[in-house]
Amino acid sequence: MTHLSGFSCFVGRPNAGKSTLVNALVGTKVAIASDKPQTTRHIVKGIVTREDAQMVILDTPGVHRPRTLLGERLNQLVYDTWSEVDVVGVCLPCPEKIGPGDRFLITQLAELTHRPTLVALATKVDAASDARTREHLLDIQGLEGELGIQWAEIIPVSAVSGVNVDLVRDLLIAQLPEGPAYYPDGEVTDEPTETLIAELIREVALAEAREELPHSIAVTIEEMGLRPDRPEDKPLLDIYANLVVERDSQKPIVVGRQGARIKQIGTLARERISRLMGMPVYLDLKVKVLKEWQRDPKALNRLGF
């Protein structure tokens, strides 16, 4: 039996539904999702394994006009990824018209020396009317002549409602070359556990801080390990983590009145980490200020960007 294997990635402007779709295709949460742009800050690998194929999906940050050194590095990360994959799913949300940013992104793909197979994904179809969806699909098709590209497929999809998720999985896999499996069966990501935990904490912090400082939060895990004095059948995972902001004025926003917000973030994050790890968790969460970290090369290196 022929076995297909290879790499795909999703690209699109910020908040195009890329991370939610990765999670839906993999069947479990490997990438944090938020309604805030620029949530994804590194390449997250999701692994889809079937008897006849294995597809490694790379979730990339949204391409945007950078205002900080972090933004420049995230864009470069995306451009570097494009030339390494077999197929690119271009996410174009149904509720929004195709804009200059979308056209710029697709033009950049078309100019690659090694051009991957391009699949158009009309995401968030659940949030658009049938008429709007039809118009959007025709606009996507029109990009072929306008930008000199060819779509292998054009697929309306909703990761939230599940519309066409299985179809997207099948059609992406069909574009892959023959090859062996790269990861053992059952593995859904190669993300280190500490990274997954840090991202879960950041996801909660983004939701709780709402619009007040979405891009200024980073998370570091300072220490993590099983508490040594616990019996094997009653483990407790100790995690000491920092929520990092870039200005002194942001610290009280994260802490909240009488510590209410940081307590809520800790409670929700602890519940999610406990489900991920399958054991009770003690989470010690502090807020640290690292001045203008998004613009400081040394700070970015320290934070892993």
Protein backbone atom coordinates (compact mmCIF):
# COMPACT_ATOMS: atom_id res chain seq x y z
CA MET A 1 0.00 0.00 0.00
CA THR A 2 1.30 3.46 -0.91
CA HIS A 3 2.17 5.58 2.14
CA LEU A 4 2.08 9.37 1.87
CA SER A 5 3.94 11.66 4.23
CA GLY A 6 5.01 15.26 4.30
CA PHE A 7 4.56 18.71 5.70
CA SER A 8 1.80 21.26 5.33
CA CYS A 9 1.28 24.66 6.86
CA PHE A 10 -1.51 27.18 7.18
CA VAL A 11 -0.88 30.81 6.41
CA GLY A 12 -3.06 33.87 6.52
CA ARG A 13 -3.41 37.20 8.12
CA PRO A 14 -3.79 37.31 11.89
CA ASN A 15 -7.00 35.81 13.31
CA ALA A 16 -7.84 33.87 10.12
CA GLY A 17 -8.65 30.71 12.07
CA LYS A 18 -5.37 28.86 11.49
CA SER A 19 -4.74 27.52 15.01
CA THR A 20 -8.35 26.43 15.53
CA LEU A 21 -8.21 24.51 12.26
CA VAL A 22 -4.94 22.81 13.22
CA ASN A 23 -6.52 21.60 16.46
CA ALA A 24 -9.60 20.34 14.60
CA LEU A 25 -7.53 18.40 12.06
CA VAL A 26 -5.27 16.84 14.69
CA GLY A 27 -8.27 16.02 16.87
CA THR A 28 -6.86 17.54 20.04
CA LYS A 29 -5.49 20.86 21.26
CA VAL A 30 -1.89 21.42 20.18
CA ALA A 31 -2.06 25.16 19.44
CA ILE A 32 -3.61 27.89 21.55
CA ALA A 33 -6.41 29.84 19.94
CA SER A 34 -7.72 33.29 20.67
CA ASP A 35 -9.84 35.95 19.02
CA LYS A 36 -6.85 38.28 19.30
CA PRO A 37 -4.51 38.73 16.33
CA GLN A 38 -0.90 37.52 16.58
CA THR A 39 -1.68 34.91 19.23
CA THR A 40 0.64 32.33 17.65
CA ARG A 41 4.29 33.20 18.24
CA HIS A 42 6.19 30.12 17.13
CA ILE A 43 5.81 27.18 14.79
CA VAL A 44 3.54 24.58 16.36
CA LYS A 45 3.57 21.07 14.87
CA GLY A 46 0.41 19.01 14.79
CA ILE A 47 0.68 15.41 13.62
CA VAL A 48 -2.06 13.55 11.76
CA THR A 49 -1.36 9.82 11.43
CA ARG A 50 -3.39 7.31 9.43
CA GLU A 51 -2.59 3.82 8.24
CA ASP A 52 -1.85 5.15 4.75
CA ALA A 53 -0.34 8.55 5.56
CA GLN A 54 1.20 10.94 8.03
CA MET A 55 0.87 14.71 7.71
CA VAL A 56 2.79 17.14 9.90
CA ILE A 57 0.92 20.45 10.05
CA LEU A 58 2.91 23.56 10.91
CA ASP A 59 0.82 26.29 12.50
CA THR A 60 2.49 29.62 11.76
CA PRO A 61 2.06 33.13 13.15
CA GLY A 62 -0.12 35.48 11.11
CA VAL A 63 1.75 37.61 8.60
CA HIS A 64 1.36 41.27 9.54
CA ARG A 65 3.03 44.65 9.18
CA PRO A 66 5.59 44.46 11.99
CA ARG A 67 5.80 47.25 14.55
CA THR A 68 8.39 45.57 16.76
CA LEU A 69 11.46 43.37 16.44
CA LEU A 70 9.28 40.47 17.63
CA GLY A 71 6.93 41.12 14.70
CA GLU A 72 9.83 41.10 12.24
CA ARG A 73 11.10 37.80 13.62
CA LEU A 74 7.65 36.20 13.48
CA ASN A 75 7.21 37.21 9.83
CA GLN A 76 10.63 35.79 8.95
CA LEU A 77 9.68 32.56 10.70
CA VAL A 78 6.67 32.26 8.40
CA TYR A 79 8.66 33.00 5.23
CA ASP A 80 11.29 30.40 6.16
CA THR A 81 8.57 27.79 6.73
CA TRP A 82 6.95 28.28 3.32
CA SER A 83 9.93 26.94 1.41
CA GLU A 84 10.12 23.77 3.52
CA VAL A 85 6.59 22.38 3.16
CA ASP A 86 4.83 20.34 0.49
CA VAL A 87 1.47 22.07 0.65
CA VAL A 88 0.26 25.43 1.98
CA GLY A 89 -3.31 26.05 3.08
CA VAL A 90 -4.10 29.73 2.59
CA CYS A 91 -6.75 30.71 5.13
CA LEU A 92 -9.18 33.33 3.84
CA PRO A 93 -12.05 33.92 6.30
CA CYS A 94 -15.51 33.84 4.72
CA PRO A 95 -16.98 36.75 6.71
CA GLU A 96 -14.27 39.14 5.42
CA LYS A 97 -13.54 40.30 1.90
CA ILE A 98 -10.16 39.45 0.40
CA GLY A 99 -7.92 42.43 1.09
CA PRO A 100 -4.51 43.83 0.10
CA GLY A 101 -2.85 41.86 2.90
CA ASP A 102 -4.22 38.59 1.52
CA ARG A 103 -3.08 39.44 -2.00
CA PHE A 104 0.39 40.41 -0.77
CA LEU A 105 0.71 37.12 1.11
CA ILE A 106 -0.36 35.03 -1.90
CA THR A 107 1.99 37.00 -4.19
CA GLN A 108 4.88 36.20 -1.83
CA LEU A 109 3.98 32.50 -2.06
CA ALA A 110 3.84 32.70 -5.86
CA GLU A 111 7.36 34.14 -5.98
CA LEU A 112 8.97 31.27 -4.05
CA THR A 113 11.66 29.37 -5.96
CA HIS A 114 10.25 26.14 -4.55
CA ARG A 115 6.53 26.79 -4.74
CA PRO A 116 4.48 24.37 -2.63
CA THR A 117 1.05 23.17 -3.70
CA LEU A 118 -1.52 25.82 -2.80
CA VAL A 119 -4.91 25.01 -1.28
CA ALA A 120 -7.43 27.77 -0.55
CA LEU A 121 -9.32 27.37 2.71
CA ALA A 122 -12.39 29.58 3.08
CA THR A 123 -12.42 29.49 6.87
CA LYS A 124 -15.13 30.45 9.37
CA VAL A 125 -17.89 29.44 6.96
CA ASP A 126 -20.17 29.02 9.99
CA ALA A 127 -20.05 32.79 10.52
CA ALA A 128 -21.08 33.73 6.98
CA SER A 129 -24.34 33.52 5.06
CA ASP A 130 -24.68 31.15 2.10
CA ALA A 131 -24.71 34.10 -0.28
CA ARG A 132 -21.58 35.58 1.28
CA THR A 133 -19.83 32.19 1.10
CA ARG A 134 -20.66 31.78 -2.61
CA GLU A 135 -19.34 35.27 -3.34
CA HIS A 136 -16.20 34.57 -1.33
CA LEU A 137 -15.47 31.29 -3.15
CA LEU A 138 -15.82 33.05 -6.52
CA ASP A 139 -13.44 35.79 -5.34
CA ILE A 140 -10.91 33.16 -4.26
CA GLN A 141 -11.16 31.46 -7.65
CA GLY A 142 -10.63 34.83 -9.34
CA LEU A 143 -7.25 35.19 -7.62
CA GLU A 144 -5.84 32.53 -9.96
CA GLY A 145 -5.97 34.82 -12.99
CA GLU A 146 -5.28 37.98 -11.00
CA LEU A 147 -2.15 36.73 -9.21
CA GLY A 148 -0.92 34.02 -11.57
CA ILE A 149 -1.43 31.09 -9.22
CA GLN A 150 -3.34 27.83 -9.32
CA TRP A 151 -5.31 26.38 -6.45
CA ALA A 152 -5.18 22.60 -6.13
CA GLU A 153 -8.42 22.84 -4.15
CA ILE A 154 -10.81 25.53 -2.85
CA ILE A 155 -12.60 24.33 0.28
CA PRO A 156 -15.08 26.10 2.58
CA VAL A 157 -14.46 24.94 6.14
CA SER A 158 -15.40 25.63 9.74
CA ALA A 159 -13.19 24.31 12.51
CA VAL A 160 -15.81 25.42 15.05
CA SER A 161 -18.82 23.59 13.58
CA GLY A 162 -16.80 20.83 11.90
CA VAL A 163 -18.00 21.59 8.37
CA ASN A 164 -15.62 19.95 5.87
CA VAL A 165 -12.84 19.36 8.43
CA ASP A 166 -12.55 15.70 7.37
CA LEU A 167 -12.56 16.75 3.72
CA VAL A 168 -9.75 19.25 4.30
CA ARG A 169 -7.72 16.56 6.05
CA ASP A 170 -8.22 14.12 3.15
CA LEU A 171 -7.47 16.66 0.42
CA LEU A 172 -4.34 18.01 2.12
CA ILE A 173 -2.99 14.50 2.62
CA ALA A 174 -3.70 13.71 -1.04
CA GLN A 175 -1.22 16.46 -2.03
CA LEU A 176 1.68 14.86 -0.10
CA PRO A 177 4.45 12.81 -1.72
CA GLU A 178 5.15 9.15 -0.97
CA GLY A 179 7.28 8.66 2.11
CA PRO A 180 7.65 7.08 5.54
CA ALA A 181 6.11 8.20 8.84
CA TYR A 182 8.28 10.70 10.72
CA TYR A 183 6.65 10.26 14.14
CA PRO A 184 5.34 7.26 16.12
CA ASP A 185 1.65 6.45 15.86
CA GLY A 186 -0.30 8.25 18.59
CA GLU A 187 2.00 11.27 18.80
CA VAL A 188 0.06 14.46 18.09
CA THR A 189 2.79 17.08 18.57
CA ASP A 190 6.49 17.33 19.31
CA GLU A 191 6.04 20.40 21.48
CA PRO A 192 7.99 20.13 24.76
CA THR A 193 5.69 19.79 27.77
CA GLU A 194 6.97 23.05 29.28
CA THR A 195 6.10 24.89 26.06
CA LEU A 196 2.57 23.43 26.00
CA ILE A 197 2.05 24.47 29.63
CA ALA A 198 3.42 27.98 29.04
CA GLU A 199 1.09 28.37 26.04
CA LEU A 200 -1.95 27.22 28.04
CA ILE A 201 -1.17 29.84 30.68
CA ARG A 202 -0.76 32.52 28.00
CA GLU A 203 -4.04 31.52 26.36
CA VAL A 204 -5.88 32.09 29.65
CA ALA A 205 -4.05 35.36 30.29
CA LEU A 206 -4.97 36.64 26.81
CA ALA A 207 -8.62 35.84 27.43
CA GLU A 208 -8.71 37.38 30.89
CA ALA A 209 -6.74 40.53 30.02
CA ARG A 210 -9.02 40.97 27.01
CA GLU A 211 -8.12 43.95 24.83
CA GLU A 212 -5.95 45.67 27.40
CA LEU A 213 -2.55 44.16 26.59
CA PRO A 214 -2.87 41.22 24.20
CA HIS A 215 0.58 41.43 22.61
CA SER A 216 2.59 42.36 25.69
CA ILE A 217 2.25 39.08 27.59
CA ALA A 218 4.80 36.28 27.49
CA VAL A 219 5.06 33.29 29.82
CA THR A 220 8.17 31.63 31.21
CA ILE A 221 8.32 28.40 33.20
CA GLU A 222 10.94 28.92 35.91
CA GLU A 223 10.69 25.50 37.53
CA MET A 224 8.57 22.39 37.08
CA GLY A 225 8.61 18.93 38.63
CA LEU A 226 6.75 16.32 40.62
CA ARG A 227 6.58 17.06 44.33
CA PRO A 228 9.05 14.58 45.87
CA ASP A 229 7.16 13.71 49.06
CA ARG A 230 4.01 12.47 47.29
CA PRO A 231 3.14 8.77 46.83
CA GLU A 232 3.22 7.42 43.25
CA ASP A 233 -0.54 6.97 43.13
CA LYS A 234 -1.17 10.58 44.25
CA PRO A 235 1.26 12.74 42.27
CA LEU A 236 1.27 16.54 42.36
CA LEU A 237 2.99 18.62 39.69
CA ASP A 238 4.57 21.84 40.96
CA ILE A 239 4.89 24.65 38.40
CA TYR A 240 6.48 28.03 39.04
CA ALA A 241 5.79 30.41 36.17
CA ASN A 242 6.02 34.09 35.33
CA LEU A 243 3.66 36.23 33.30
CA VAL A 244 6.01 38.72 31.62
CA VAL A 245 4.83 42.20 30.62
CA GLU A 246 6.88 45.05 29.20
CA ARG A 247 5.86 48.09 31.24
CA ASP A 248 5.36 48.79 34.93
CA SER A 249 1.88 50.17 34.19
CA GLN A 250 0.83 46.78 32.80
CA LYS A 251 1.59 44.82 35.94
CA PRO A 252 -1.44 46.03 37.94
CA ILE A 253 -3.66 45.26 34.92
CA VAL A 254 -2.60 41.61 35.01
CA VAL A 255 -2.72 41.41 38.82
CA GLY A 256 -6.17 43.05 38.99
CA ARG A 257 -7.89 44.62 41.96
CA GLN A 258 -6.72 42.89 45.13
CA GLY A 259 -5.10 40.21 42.98
CA ALA A 260 -8.42 39.04 41.51
CA ARG A 261 -7.31 38.74 37.88
CA ILE A 262 -4.04 36.89 38.50
CA LYS A 263 -5.93 34.54 40.81
CA GLN A 264 -8.53 33.85 38.10
CA ILE A 265 -5.81 33.28 35.48
CA GLY A 266 -4.07 30.86 37.84
CA THR A 267 -7.26 28.94 38.61
CA LEU A 268 -8.28 28.50 34.96
CA ALA A 269 -4.75 27.69 33.81
CA ARG A 270 -4.30 25.12 36.57
CA GLU A 271 -7.49 23.33 35.48
CA ARG A 272 -6.33 23.16 31.85
CA ILE A 273 -2.82 22.02 32.76
CA SER A 274 -4.24 19.35 35.06
CA ARG A 275 -6.35 17.98 32.20
CA LEU A 276 -3.33 18.03 29.88
CA MET A 277 -1.06 16.25 32.36
CA GLY A 278 -3.66 13.93 33.90
CA MET A 279 -2.77 14.84 37.47
CA PRO A 280 -3.34 17.58 40.08
CA VAL A 281 -1.25 20.72 39.64
CA TYR A 282 0.08 23.39 41.98
CA LEU A 283 0.67 26.58 39.98
CA ASP A 284 2.63 29.48 41.43
CA LEU A 285 2.12 32.42 39.07
CA LYS A 286 3.91 35.76 39.37
CA VAL A 287 4.00 38.87 37.17
CA LYS A 288 7.38 40.19 36.05
CA VAL A 289 8.28 43.30 34.07
CA LEU A 290 10.86 42.98 31.30
CA LYS A 291 11.16 46.46 29.83
CA GLU A 292 10.07 46.72 26.17
CA TRP A 293 10.83 43.03 25.62
CA GLN A 294 9.23 42.97 22.16
CA ARG A 295 11.85 45.44 20.89
CA ASP A 296 14.91 44.21 22.79
CA PRO A 297 17.02 41.56 20.98
CA LYS A 298 18.50 40.23 24.24
CA ALA A 299 15.08 39.99 25.88
CA LEU A 300 13.63 38.21 22.83
CA ASN A 301 16.50 35.72 22.86
CA ARG A 302 15.95 35.13 26.57
CA LEU A 303 12.26 34.47 25.95
CA GLY A 304 13.02 32.08 23.11
CA PHE A 305 12.09 34.23 20.07
